[in-house]
């Protein structure tokens, strides 16, 4: 039986405590799947009941479910081994030391701050990102940044000669026959995120500011999906459905091995990593700014998916971050039993 009662209580408590309007979540344990929908999709301008089939802005889950997957396909095919310098694909990038592996593990040391970012056009923003300096943290520290995956998206555009959103759609989404996973969701079925200054809601449009500018050229955000599709994908990462992901299972298993040095925080390709409190086997996870979370334990064949709109109606919701950390810790604790 699936028994994550303490974790379930913490998730639903976010709704009753009005930390978030609503949640769609799932636990996976072997062939068993438990899903639940609680609360509302919006509080303002009115309470709207949340649908089990609602599409969410996945935010940074785009990095791992989309962009990283395409790179792993190229790795399988022998086209890349991730030791290639970024300059090979973007010659105007100034630092020859930065490799694809640094971008995939957030160890590139590339400074994230872009002056006057919100005033730039898509072309100007891409130029600014390509010209960001590499700091002393290069290959010494994990520093999570959207910049790494925007650059990886540009690399895919060079390889495929197509916008990165089109690449992900053709290489990942369509082969899996996913029904609700898309960069162009049904607005009416999309859970709104923040409210604009004019009082309208951002709904069915990517929340991330850089992705709003770059649109189909953004490899770090933009993907929408629902709980059902994410459960299907999770079963692929967990090895429960060995045919769903457009990857060999041997490649998927590689994600559960650290790709950073022991002196750094542990990261896989794309994914963050934690370790089982009993035997220390690796578990991969990733979060999204809008309130999304996936946790995959391939050894135990267990997983957790959390979808919520923590930025509704305002992005100033730090209490959610604390609550999410407690949820992850609780899942790891209950998962070991």
C-alpha atoms as a PDB file:
ATOM      1  CA  UNK A   1       0.000   0.000   0.000  1.00  0.00           C
ATOM      2  CA  UNK A   2       0.998   3.602  -0.582  1.00  0.00           C
ATOM      3  CA  UNK A   3       1.391   5.131   2.866  1.00  0.00           C
ATOM      4  CA  UNK A   4       2.807   8.634   2.812  1.00  0.00           C
ATOM      5  CA  UNK A   5       0.310   9.969   5.324  1.00  0.00           C
ATOM      6  CA  UNK A   6       2.566  12.554   6.981  1.00  0.00           C
ATOM      7  CA  UNK A   7       3.699  13.895   3.615  1.00  0.00           C
ATOM      8  CA  UNK A   8       0.134  13.960   2.322  1.00  0.00           C
ATOM      9  CA  UNK A   9      -0.901  15.919   5.414  1.00  0.00           C
ATOM     10  CA  UNK A  10       1.861  18.485   4.857  1.00  0.00           C
ATOM     11  CA  UNK A  11       0.854  18.942   1.213  1.00  0.00           C
ATOM     12  CA  UNK A  12      -2.834  19.447   1.967  1.00  0.00           C
ATOM     13  CA  UNK A  13      -2.020  21.634   4.954  1.00  0.00           C
ATOM     14  CA  UNK A  14      -0.587  24.187   2.507  1.00  0.00           C
ATOM     15  CA  UNK A  15      -4.112  24.638   1.174  1.00  0.00           C
ATOM     16  CA  UNK A  16      -5.878  24.833   4.544  1.00  0.00           C
ATOM     17  CA  UNK A  17      -3.200  27.261   5.790  1.00  0.00           C
ATOM     18  CA  UNK A  18      -3.715  29.365   2.647  1.00  0.00           C
ATOM     19  CA  UNK A  19      -0.083  29.072   1.586  1.00  0.00           C
ATOM     20  CA  UNK A  20      -1.311  28.048  -1.863  1.00  0.00           C
ATOM     21  CA  UNK A  21      -4.788  28.041  -3.434  1.00  0.00           C
ATOM     22  CA  UNK A  22      -4.687  24.368  -4.419  1.00  0.00           C
ATOM     23  CA  UNK A  23      -2.593  21.303  -5.177  1.00  0.00           C
ATOM     24  CA  UNK A  24      -2.546  18.364  -7.542  1.00  0.00           C
ATOM     25  CA  UNK A  25      -0.185  15.690  -6.295  1.00  0.00           C
ATOM     26  CA  UNK A  26       0.734  12.051  -6.737  1.00  0.00           C
ATOM     27  CA  UNK A  27       2.663   9.298  -4.994  1.00  0.00           C
ATOM     28  CA  UNK A  28       4.008   6.337  -6.930  1.00  0.00           C
ATOM     29  CA  UNK A  29       5.077   3.069  -5.334  1.00  0.00           C
ATOM     30  CA  UNK A  30       5.762   0.277  -7.766  1.00  0.00           C
ATOM     31  CA  UNK A  31       2.649  -0.255  -9.864  1.00  0.00           C
ATOM     32  CA  UNK A  32       0.500   1.691  -7.391  1.00  0.00           C
ATOM     33  CA  UNK A  33      -0.392   5.319  -8.063  1.00  0.00           C
ATOM     34  CA  UNK A  34      -2.226   7.621  -5.660  1.00  0.00           C
ATOM     35  CA  UNK A  35      -3.415  11.007  -6.942  1.00  0.00           C
ATOM     36  CA  UNK A  36      -5.381  13.790  -5.307  1.00  0.00           C
ATOM     37  CA  UNK A  37      -6.690  17.271  -6.085  1.00  0.00           C
ATOM     38  CA  UNK A  38      -7.408  19.740  -3.288  1.00  0.00           C
ATOM     39  CA  UNK A  39      -8.434  23.396  -3.267  1.00  0.00           C
ATOM     40  CA  UNK A  40      -8.750  26.052  -5.930  1.00  0.00           C
ATOM     41  CA  UNK A  41      -6.958  27.131  -9.070  1.00  0.00           C
ATOM     42  CA  UNK A  42      -7.476  30.806  -8.174  1.00  0.00           C
ATOM     43  CA  UNK A  43      -8.337  32.976  -5.198  1.00  0.00           C
ATOM     44  CA  UNK A  44      -8.666  36.175  -7.174  1.00  0.00           C
ATOM     45  CA  UNK A  45     -10.705  37.597  -8.678  1.00  0.00           C
ATOM     46  CA  UNK A  46     -12.758  34.668  -7.317  1.00  0.00           C
ATOM     47  CA  UNK A  47     -12.387  31.130  -6.010  1.00  0.00           C
ATOM     48  CA  UNK A  48     -12.375  28.638  -8.891  1.00  0.00           C
ATOM     49  CA  UNK A  49     -12.392  24.916  -8.134  1.00  0.00           C
ATOM     50  CA  UNK A  50      -9.222  23.118  -9.183  1.00  0.00           C
ATOM     51  CA  UNK A  51      -9.526  20.396 -11.824  1.00  0.00           C
ATOM     52  CA  UNK A  52      -7.613  17.103 -11.646  1.00  0.00           C
ATOM     53  CA  UNK A  53      -6.768  17.687 -15.316  1.00  0.00           C
ATOM     54  CA  UNK A  54      -5.517  21.277 -14.992  1.00  0.00           C
ATOM     55  CA  UNK A  55      -2.359  22.221 -16.889  1.00  0.00           C
ATOM     56  CA  UNK A  56       0.414  23.876 -14.887  1.00  0.00           C
ATOM     57  CA  UNK A  57       3.303  26.095 -15.892  1.00  0.00           C
ATOM     58  CA  UNK A  58       6.121  23.651 -15.051  1.00  0.00           C
ATOM     59  CA  UNK A  59       8.715  26.434 -14.968  1.00  0.00           C
ATOM     60  CA  UNK A  60      12.200  24.931 -14.441  1.00  0.00           C
ATOM     61  CA  UNK A  61      10.991  21.346 -14.801  1.00  0.00           C
ATOM     62  CA  UNK A  62      11.377  22.245 -18.490  1.00  0.00           C
ATOM     63  CA  UNK A  63      15.133  21.990 -17.932  1.00  0.00           C
ATOM     64  CA  UNK A  64      15.063  18.305 -16.980  1.00  0.00           C
ATOM     65  CA  UNK A  65      11.943  16.919 -18.654  1.00  0.00           C
ATOM     66  CA  UNK A  66      12.658  18.727 -21.920  1.00  0.00           C
ATOM     67  CA  UNK A  67      16.124  20.145 -22.582  1.00  0.00           C
ATOM     68  CA  UNK A  68      18.127  17.544 -20.642  1.00  0.00           C
ATOM     69  CA  UNK A  69      16.233  14.710 -22.333  1.00  0.00           C
ATOM     70  CA  UNK A  70      17.268  15.931 -25.781  1.00  0.00           C
ATOM     71  CA  UNK A  71      20.902  16.137 -24.678  1.00  0.00           C
ATOM     72  CA  UNK A  72      20.704  12.597 -23.342  1.00  0.00           C
ATOM     73  CA  UNK A  73      19.391  11.447 -26.740  1.00  0.00           C
ATOM     74  CA  UNK A  74      22.407  13.043 -28.418  1.00  0.00           C
ATOM     75  CA  UNK A  75      24.632  11.367 -25.817  1.00  0.00           C
ATOM     76  CA  UNK A  76      23.101   7.984 -26.612  1.00  0.00           C
ATOM     77  CA  UNK A  77      23.603   8.510 -30.318  1.00  0.00           C
ATOM     78  CA  UNK A  78      27.281   9.347 -29.815  1.00  0.00           C
ATOM     79  CA  UNK A  79      26.864  12.882 -31.124  1.00  0.00           C
ATOM     80  CA  UNK A  80      27.883  14.429 -27.783  1.00  0.00           C
ATOM     81  CA  UNK A  81      29.733  13.317 -24.675  1.00  0.00           C
ATOM     82  CA  UNK A  82      29.247  16.638 -22.814  1.00  0.00           C
ATOM     83  CA  UNK A  83      32.989  17.417 -22.790  1.00  0.00           C
ATOM     84  CA  UNK A  84      32.487  19.674 -25.826  1.00  0.00           C
ATOM     85  CA  UNK A  85      33.281  23.358 -25.203  1.00  0.00           C
ATOM     86  CA  UNK A  86      30.381  25.775 -25.449  1.00  0.00           C
ATOM     87  CA  UNK A  87      32.481  27.777 -27.925  1.00  0.00           C
ATOM     88  CA  UNK A  88      32.152  24.891 -30.408  1.00  0.00           C
ATOM     89  CA  UNK A  89      28.471  25.812 -30.825  1.00  0.00           C
ATOM     90  CA  UNK A  90      28.497  29.478 -29.812  1.00  0.00           C
ATOM     91  CA  UNK A  91      31.862  30.864 -31.028  1.00  0.00           C
ATOM     92  CA  UNK A  92      31.166  34.332 -29.600  1.00  0.00           C
ATOM     93  CA  UNK A  93      31.084  32.964 -26.049  1.00  0.00           C
ATOM     94  CA  UNK A  94      34.383  34.178 -24.624  1.00  0.00           C
ATOM     95  CA  UNK A  95      35.552  31.501 -22.164  1.00  0.00           C
ATOM     96  CA  UNK A  96      37.000  28.370 -23.762  1.00  0.00           C
ATOM     97  CA  UNK A  97      36.931  26.422 -20.451  1.00  0.00           C
ATOM     98  CA  UNK A  98      33.144  26.084 -20.199  1.00  0.00           C
ATOM     99  CA  UNK A  99      31.937  22.676 -21.373  1.00  0.00           C
ATOM    100  CA  UNK A 100      28.435  21.328 -21.880  1.00  0.00           C
ATOM    101  CA  UNK A 101      28.926  19.279 -18.710  1.00  0.00           C
ATOM    102  CA  UNK A 102      29.387  22.495 -16.714  1.00  0.00           C
ATOM    103  CA  UNK A 103      26.100  23.845 -18.004  1.00  0.00           C
ATOM    104  CA  UNK A 104      24.248  20.582 -17.317  1.00  0.00           C
ATOM    105  CA  UNK A 105      25.486  20.500 -13.709  1.00  0.00           C
ATOM    106  CA  UNK A 106      25.309  24.259 -12.988  1.00  0.00           C
ATOM    107  CA  UNK A 107      29.059  24.433 -12.377  1.00  0.00           C
ATOM    108  CA  UNK A 108      29.859  26.857 -15.202  1.00  0.00           C
ATOM    109  CA  UNK A 109      30.436  29.804 -12.897  1.00  0.00           C
ATOM    110  CA  UNK A 110      28.662  32.059 -15.394  1.00  0.00           C
ATOM    111  CA  UNK A 111      27.338  35.141 -13.663  1.00  0.00           C
ATOM    112  CA  UNK A 112      23.544  35.200 -13.633  1.00  0.00           C
ATOM    113  CA  UNK A 113      22.864  38.925 -13.264  1.00  0.00           C
ATOM    114  CA  UNK A 114      21.893  40.791 -16.444  1.00  0.00           C
ATOM    115  CA  UNK A 115      21.711  44.560 -16.210  1.00  0.00           C
ATOM    116  CA  UNK A 116      18.423  46.107 -17.417  1.00  0.00           C
ATOM    117  CA  UNK A 117      17.206  42.584 -18.293  1.00  0.00           C
ATOM    118  CA  UNK A 118      13.523  43.520 -18.482  1.00  0.00           C
ATOM    119  CA  UNK A 119      14.223  46.252 -21.016  1.00  0.00           C
ATOM    120  CA  UNK A 120      15.908  43.960 -23.557  1.00  0.00           C
ATOM    121  CA  UNK A 121      14.462  42.415 -26.705  1.00  0.00           C
ATOM    122  CA  UNK A 122      14.896  38.692 -27.342  1.00  0.00           C
ATOM    123  CA  UNK A 123      17.931  39.296 -29.550  1.00  0.00           C
ATOM    124  CA  UNK A 124      19.488  41.670 -27.019  1.00  0.00           C
ATOM    125  CA  UNK A 125      18.806  39.258 -24.145  1.00  0.00           C
ATOM    126  CA  UNK A 126      20.483  36.367 -25.960  1.00  0.00           C
ATOM    127  CA  UNK A 127      23.471  38.588 -26.747  1.00  0.00           C
ATOM    128  CA  UNK A 128      23.700  39.658 -23.099  1.00  0.00           C
ATOM    129  CA  UNK A 129      23.601  36.038 -21.896  1.00  0.00           C
ATOM    130  CA  UNK A 130      26.304  34.957 -24.348  1.00  0.00           C
ATOM    131  CA  UNK A 131      28.508  37.790 -23.093  1.00  0.00           C
ATOM    132  CA  UNK A 132      28.094  37.114 -19.361  1.00  0.00           C
ATOM    133  CA  UNK A 133      31.443  36.687 -17.584  1.00  0.00           C
ATOM    134  CA  UNK A 134      32.628  33.477 -15.940  1.00  0.00           C
ATOM    135  CA  UNK A 135      33.336  33.983 -12.242  1.00  0.00           C
ATOM    136  CA  UNK A 136      35.833  32.369  -9.870  1.00  0.00           C
ATOM    137  CA  UNK A 137      33.170  29.781  -9.054  1.00  0.00           C
ATOM    138  CA  UNK A 138      33.885  28.028 -12.365  1.00  0.00           C
ATOM    139  CA  UNK A 139      34.172  24.256 -11.809  1.00  0.00           C
ATOM    140  CA  UNK A 140      34.378  24.886  -8.062  1.00  0.00           C
ATOM    141  CA  UNK A 141      30.788  25.445  -6.947  1.00  0.00           C
ATOM    142  CA  UNK A 142      27.263  24.496  -7.966  1.00  0.00           C
ATOM    143  CA  UNK A 143      25.359  27.710  -8.589  1.00  0.00           C
ATOM    144  CA  UNK A 144      21.905  27.020  -9.978  1.00  0.00           C
ATOM    145  CA  UNK A 145      21.042  29.425 -12.794  1.00  0.00           C
ATOM    146  CA  UNK A 146      18.607  29.646 -15.704  1.00  0.00           C
ATOM    147  CA  UNK A 147      21.502  31.012 -17.757  1.00  0.00           C
ATOM    148  CA  UNK A 148      23.058  27.556 -18.080  1.00  0.00           C
ATOM    149  CA  UNK A 149      19.976  26.058 -19.665  1.00  0.00           C
ATOM    150  CA  UNK A 150      19.202  29.028 -21.866  1.00  0.00           C
ATOM    151  CA  UNK A 151      22.682  28.513 -23.332  1.00  0.00           C
ATOM    152  CA  UNK A 152      22.020  24.767 -23.654  1.00  0.00           C
ATOM    153  CA  UNK A 153      18.833  25.602 -25.519  1.00  0.00           C
ATOM    154  CA  UNK A 154      20.837  27.731 -27.935  1.00  0.00           C
ATOM    155  CA  UNK A 155      23.216  24.798 -28.443  1.00  0.00           C
ATOM    156  CA  UNK A 156      20.278  22.589 -29.415  1.00  0.00           C
ATOM    157  CA  UNK A 157      19.138  25.263 -31.865  1.00  0.00           C
ATOM    158  CA  UNK A 158      22.544  25.155 -33.543  1.00  0.00           C
ATOM    159  CA  UNK A 159      22.470  21.341 -33.740  1.00  0.00           C
ATOM    160  CA  UNK A 160      18.882  21.010 -34.985  1.00  0.00           C
ATOM    161  CA  UNK A 161      18.527  24.378 -36.763  1.00  0.00           C
ATOM    162  CA  UNK A 162      15.125  24.835 -35.086  1.00  0.00           C
ATOM    163  CA  UNK A 163      13.788  26.753 -32.048  1.00  0.00           C
ATOM    164  CA  UNK A 164      14.415  24.748 -28.891  1.00  0.00           C
ATOM    165  CA  UNK A 165      10.693  24.482 -28.039  1.00  0.00           C
ATOM    166  CA  UNK A 166      10.143  22.850 -31.442  1.00  0.00           C
ATOM    167  CA  UNK A 167      13.088  20.516 -30.827  1.00  0.00           C
ATOM    168  CA  UNK A 168      11.684  19.383 -27.461  1.00  0.00           C
ATOM    169  CA  UNK A 169       8.212  18.934 -28.948  1.00  0.00           C
ATOM    170  CA  UNK A 170       9.494  16.760 -31.794  1.00  0.00           C
ATOM    171  CA  UNK A 171      12.138  14.822 -29.860  1.00  0.00           C
ATOM    172  CA  UNK A 172      10.421  14.327 -26.501  1.00  0.00           C
ATOM    173  CA  UNK A 173       6.730  15.181 -26.279  1.00  0.00           C
ATOM    174  CA  UNK A 174       5.410  13.620 -29.496  1.00  0.00           C
ATOM    175  CA  UNK A 175       7.317  10.314 -29.200  1.00  0.00           C
ATOM    176  CA  UNK A 176       5.792   9.835 -25.731  1.00  0.00           C
ATOM    177  CA  UNK A 177       2.266  10.607 -27.041  1.00  0.00           C
ATOM    178  CA  UNK A 178       1.628  12.938 -24.117  1.00  0.00           C
ATOM    179  CA  UNK A 179      -1.800  14.529 -24.172  1.00  0.00           C
ATOM    180  CA  UNK A 180      -1.406  17.626 -21.989  1.00  0.00           C
ATOM    181  CA  UNK A 181       2.323  18.429 -22.230  1.00  0.00           C
ATOM    182  CA  UNK A 182       2.945  21.399 -24.478  1.00  0.00           C
ATOM    183  CA  UNK A 183       4.464  24.851 -24.819  1.00  0.00           C
ATOM    184  CA  UNK A 184       1.111  26.162 -26.045  1.00  0.00           C
ATOM    185  CA  UNK A 185      -1.522  25.105 -23.473  1.00  0.00           C
ATOM    186  CA  UNK A 186      -5.253  25.573 -23.475  1.00  0.00           C
ATOM    187  CA  UNK A 187      -5.633  28.887 -21.662  1.00  0.00           C
ATOM    188  CA  UNK A 188      -8.974  27.929 -20.133  1.00  0.00           C
ATOM    189  CA  UNK A 189      -7.484  24.738 -18.691  1.00  0.00           C
ATOM    190  CA  UNK A 190      -4.303  26.398 -17.375  1.00  0.00           C
ATOM    191  CA  UNK A 191      -3.839  27.262 -13.726  1.00  0.00           C
ATOM    192  CA  UNK A 192      -3.194  31.031 -13.494  1.00  0.00           C
ATOM    193  CA  UNK A 193       0.027  32.279 -11.965  1.00  0.00           C
ATOM    194  CA  UNK A 194       0.625  35.906 -10.974  1.00  0.00           C
ATOM    195  CA  UNK A 195      -1.609  38.911 -11.471  1.00  0.00           C
ATOM    196  CA  UNK A 196      -0.480  41.731 -13.738  1.00  0.00           C
ATOM    197  CA  UNK A 197      -0.564  45.361 -12.647  1.00  0.00           C
ATOM    198  CA  UNK A 198      -3.756  45.884 -14.652  1.00  0.00           C
ATOM    199  CA  UNK A 199      -5.510  43.189 -12.604  1.00  0.00           C
ATOM    200  CA  UNK A 200      -5.518  40.462 -15.267  1.00  0.00           C
ATOM    201  CA  UNK A 201      -4.069  37.033 -14.590  1.00  0.00           C
ATOM    202  CA  UNK A 202      -1.181  35.381 -16.392  1.00  0.00           C
ATOM    203  CA  UNK A 203      -2.897  32.238 -17.642  1.00  0.00           C
ATOM    204  CA  UNK A 204      -1.657  29.842 -20.300  1.00  0.00           C
ATOM    205  CA  UNK A 205       1.432  32.010 -20.774  1.00  0.00           C
ATOM    206  CA  UNK A 206       4.823  31.176 -19.287  1.00  0.00           C
ATOM    207  CA  UNK A 207       5.428  33.027 -16.029  1.00  0.00           C
ATOM    208  CA  UNK A 208       9.225  33.229 -16.240  1.00  0.00           C
ATOM    209  CA  UNK A 209      10.266  36.764 -17.362  1.00  0.00           C
ATOM    210  CA  UNK A 210      13.156  35.628 -19.566  1.00  0.00           C
ATOM    211  CA  UNK A 211      11.003  32.939 -21.190  1.00  0.00           C
ATOM    212  CA  UNK A 212       8.311  35.539 -21.883  1.00  0.00           C
ATOM    213  CA  UNK A 213      10.872  37.468 -23.919  1.00  0.00           C
ATOM    214  CA  UNK A 214      12.732  34.561 -25.546  1.00  0.00           C
ATOM    215  CA  UNK A 215       9.583  32.475 -26.146  1.00  0.00           C
ATOM    216  CA  UNK A 216      10.414  29.445 -28.334  1.00  0.00           C
ATOM    217  CA  UNK A 217      14.137  30.121 -27.924  1.00  0.00           C
ATOM    218  CA  UNK A 218      14.157  29.422 -24.172  1.00  0.00           C
ATOM    219  CA  UNK A 219      15.568  26.102 -22.954  1.00  0.00           C
ATOM    220  CA  UNK A 220      14.972  26.807 -19.262  1.00  0.00           C
ATOM    221  CA  UNK A 221      11.186  27.270 -18.994  1.00  0.00           C
ATOM    222  CA  UNK A 222       7.936  27.295 -20.949  1.00  0.00           C
ATOM    223  CA  UNK A 223       6.602  23.748 -20.683  1.00  0.00           C
ATOM    224  CA  UNK A 224       3.070  23.088 -19.389  1.00  0.00           C
ATOM    225  CA  UNK A 225       1.653  19.745 -18.302  1.00  0.00           C
ATOM    226  CA  UNK A 226      -0.850  18.047 -16.013  1.00  0.00           C
ATOM    227  CA  UNK A 227      -0.612  15.465 -13.257  1.00  0.00           C
ATOM    228  CA  UNK A 228      -1.541  12.511 -15.466  1.00  0.00           C
ATOM    229  CA  UNK A 229       1.240  13.147 -17.989  1.00  0.00           C
ATOM    230  CA  UNK A 230       3.784  13.658 -15.223  1.00  0.00           C
ATOM    231  CA  UNK A 231       2.833  10.334 -13.648  1.00  0.00           C
ATOM    232  CA  UNK A 232       3.450   8.678 -17.018  1.00  0.00           C
ATOM    233  CA  UNK A 233       6.861  10.346 -17.313  1.00  0.00           C
ATOM    234  CA  UNK A 234       7.710   9.445 -13.719  1.00  0.00           C
ATOM    235  CA  UNK A 235       7.051   5.784 -14.435  1.00  0.00           C
ATOM    236  CA  UNK A 236       9.705   6.021 -17.146  1.00  0.00           C
ATOM    237  CA  UNK A 237      12.310   7.543 -14.829  1.00  0.00           C
ATOM    238  CA  UNK A 238      11.535   4.920 -12.187  1.00  0.00           C
ATOM    239  CA  UNK A 239      11.935   2.047 -14.652  1.00  0.00           C
ATOM    240  CA  UNK A 240       8.300   0.992 -14.205  1.00  0.00           C
ATOM    241  CA  UNK A 241       7.501   1.674 -17.852  1.00  0.00           C
ATOM    242  CA  UNK A 242      10.665   1.016 -19.801  1.00  0.00           C
ATOM    243  CA  UNK A 243       9.195   2.149 -23.114  1.00  0.00           C
ATOM    244  CA  UNK A 244       7.673   5.555 -22.342  1.00  0.00           C
ATOM    245  CA  UNK A 245      10.776   7.795 -22.302  1.00  0.00           C
ATOM    246  CA  UNK A 246      12.549   8.393 -25.635  1.00  0.00           C
ATOM    247  CA  UNK A 247      15.734   7.123 -23.971  1.00  0.00           C
ATOM    248  CA  UNK A 248      17.347   3.798 -23.213  1.00  0.00           C
ATOM    249  CA  UNK A 249      16.861   2.730 -19.613  1.00  0.00           C
ATOM    250  CA  UNK A 250      20.642   2.461 -19.219  1.00  0.00           C
ATOM    251  CA  UNK A 251      20.829   6.182 -19.918  1.00  0.00           C
ATOM    252  CA  UNK A 252      18.046   6.953 -17.457  1.00  0.00           C
ATOM    253  CA  UNK A 253      19.903   4.956 -14.802  1.00  0.00           C
ATOM    254  CA  UNK A 254      22.933   7.229 -15.339  1.00  0.00           C
ATOM    255  CA  UNK A 255      20.882  10.147 -14.013  1.00  0.00           C
ATOM    256  CA  UNK A 256      21.021   8.537 -10.568  1.00  0.00           C
ATOM    257  CA  UNK A 257      24.815   8.850 -10.400  1.00  0.00           C
ATOM    258  CA  UNK A 258      26.449  12.150  -9.315  1.00  0.00           C
ATOM    259  CA  UNK A 259      28.124  14.107 -12.104  1.00  0.00           C
ATOM    260  CA  UNK A 260      29.895  16.620  -9.852  1.00  0.00           C
ATOM    261  CA  UNK A 261      33.010  16.153  -7.735  1.00  0.00           C
ATOM    262  CA  UNK A 262      32.546  15.115  -4.079  1.00  0.00           C
ATOM    263  CA  UNK A 263      33.846  18.524  -2.969  1.00  0.00           C
ATOM    264  CA  UNK A 264      30.767  20.153  -4.549  1.00  0.00           C
ATOM    265  CA  UNK A 265      27.048  19.839  -3.967  1.00  0.00           C
ATOM    266  CA  UNK A 266      25.831  16.736  -5.746  1.00  0.00           C
ATOM    267  CA  UNK A 267      24.155  17.240  -9.119  1.00  0.00           C
ATOM    268  CA  UNK A 268      23.261  14.907 -11.937  1.00  0.00           C
ATOM    269  CA  UNK A 269      22.799  15.987 -15.537  1.00  0.00           C
ATOM    270  CA  UNK A 270      20.090  18.588 -15.054  1.00  0.00           C
ATOM    271  CA  UNK A 271      18.660  17.126 -11.861  1.00  0.00           C
ATOM    272  CA  UNK A 272      19.380  17.960  -8.247  1.00  0.00           C
ATOM    273  CA  UNK A 273      20.194  15.018  -5.967  1.00  0.00           C
ATOM    274  CA  UNK A 274      19.469  13.878  -2.414  1.00  0.00           C
ATOM    275  CA  UNK A 275      20.270  10.587  -0.732  1.00  0.00           C
ATOM    276  CA  UNK A 276      18.246   7.999   1.132  1.00  0.00           C
ATOM    277  CA  UNK A 277      18.694   8.469   4.901  1.00  0.00           C
ATOM    278  CA  UNK A 278      19.298   4.734   5.474  1.00  0.00           C
ATOM    279  CA  UNK A 279      21.542   3.352   2.722  1.00  0.00           C
ATOM    280  CA  UNK A 280      22.427   6.621   0.967  1.00  0.00           C
ATOM    281  CA  UNK A 281      21.277   5.555  -2.517  1.00  0.00           C
ATOM    282  CA  UNK A 282      20.748   8.476  -4.880  1.00  0.00           C
ATOM    283  CA  UNK A 283      17.355  10.102  -5.465  1.00  0.00           C
ATOM    284  CA  UNK A 284      16.879  12.782  -8.124  1.00  0.00           C
ATOM    285  CA  UNK A 285      14.539  15.742  -7.912  1.00  0.00           C
ATOM    286  CA  UNK A 286      13.835  19.138  -9.392  1.00  0.00           C
ATOM    287  CA  UNK A 287      11.708  22.117  -8.486  1.00  0.00           C
ATOM    288  CA  UNK A 288      10.015  24.851 -10.494  1.00  0.00           C
ATOM    289  CA  UNK A 289       9.584  28.474  -9.423  1.00  0.00           C
ATOM    290  CA  UNK A 290       5.824  28.374  -9.900  1.00  0.00           C
ATOM    291  CA  UNK A 291       5.452  25.624  -7.286  1.00  0.00           C
ATOM    292  CA  UNK A 292       6.190  22.393  -9.129  1.00  0.00           C
ATOM    293  CA  UNK A 293       8.237  19.453  -7.839  1.00  0.00           C
ATOM    294  CA  UNK A 294       9.228  15.946  -8.928  1.00  0.00           C
ATOM    295  CA  UNK A 295      11.125  13.398  -6.817  1.00  0.00           C
ATOM    296  CA  UNK A 296      12.229  10.045  -8.307  1.00  0.00           C
ATOM    297  CA  UNK A 297      13.713   7.090  -6.394  1.00  0.00           C
ATOM    298  CA  UNK A 298      14.594   4.502  -9.031  1.00  0.00           C
ATOM    299  CA  UNK A 299      15.919   1.917  -6.560  1.00  0.00           C
ATOM    300  CA  UNK A 300      12.726   1.899  -4.471  1.00  0.00           C
ATOM    301  CA  UNK A 301      10.528   2.454  -7.553  1.00  0.00           C
ATOM    302  CA  UNK A 302       8.848   5.357  -5.753  1.00  0.00           C
ATOM    303  CA  UNK A 303       8.163   8.962  -6.601  1.00  0.00           C
ATOM    304  CA  UNK A 304       6.301  12.121  -5.700  1.00  0.00           C
ATOM    305  CA  UNK A 305       4.842  14.820  -7.937  1.00  0.00           C
ATOM    306  CA  UNK A 306       3.575  18.124  -6.571  1.00  0.00           C
ATOM    307  CA  UNK A 307       1.848  20.734  -8.712  1.00  0.00           C
ATOM    308  CA  UNK A 308       0.654  24.013  -7.271  1.00  0.00           C
ATOM    309  CA  UNK A 309       0.487  27.689  -8.180  1.00  0.00           C
ATOM    310  CA  UNK A 310       2.479  29.155  -5.306  1.00  0.00           C
ATOM    311  CA  UNK A 311       2.917  32.477  -7.157  1.00  0.00           C
ATOM    312  CA  UNK A 312      -0.837  33.174  -7.216  1.00  0.00           C
ATOM    313  CA  UNK A 313      -1.758  35.913  -6.822  1.00  0.00           C
ATOM    314  CA  UNK A 314       1.733  37.189  -5.923  1.00  0.00           C
ATOM    315  CA  UNK A 315       5.223  35.795  -6.370  1.00  0.00           C
ATOM    316  CA  UNK A 316       6.172  36.898  -2.857  1.00  0.00           C
ATOM    317  CA  UNK A 317       5.520  33.557  -1.144  1.00  0.00           C
ATOM    318  CA  UNK A 318       8.652  32.477   0.699  1.00  0.00           C
ATOM    319  CA  UNK A 319       6.704  30.445   3.239  1.00  0.00           C
ATOM    320  CA  UNK A 320       6.021  27.951   0.441  1.00  0.00           C
ATOM    321  CA  UNK A 321       9.774  27.291   0.075  1.00  0.00           C
ATOM    322  CA  UNK A 322       9.977  26.281   3.737  1.00  0.00           C
ATOM    323  CA  UNK A 323       6.868  24.127   3.415  1.00  0.00           C
ATOM    324  CA  UNK A 324       8.266  22.424   0.296  1.00  0.00           C
ATOM    325  CA  UNK A 325      11.501  21.507   2.077  1.00  0.00           C
ATOM    326  CA  UNK A 326       9.482  19.903   4.881  1.00  0.00           C
ATOM    327  CA  UNK A 327       7.470  17.960   2.286  1.00  0.00           C
ATOM    328  CA  UNK A 328      10.635  16.638   0.626  1.00  0.00           C
ATOM    329  CA  UNK A 329      12.129  15.679   4.004  1.00  0.00           C
ATOM    330  CA  UNK A 330       8.911  13.938   5.023  1.00  0.00           C
ATOM    331  CA  UNK A 331       8.773  11.981   1.768  1.00  0.00           C
ATOM    332  CA  UNK A 332      12.356  10.803   2.237  1.00  0.00           C
ATOM    333  CA  UNK A 333      11.559   9.734   5.782  1.00  0.00           C
ATOM    334  CA  UNK A 334       8.386   7.817   4.869  1.00  0.00           C
ATOM    335  CA  UNK A 335       9.966   6.441   1.719  1.00  0.00           C
ATOM    336  CA  UNK A 336      12.580   4.485   3.653  1.00  0.00           C
ATOM    337  CA  UNK A 337      10.017   2.339   5.470  1.00  0.00           C
END
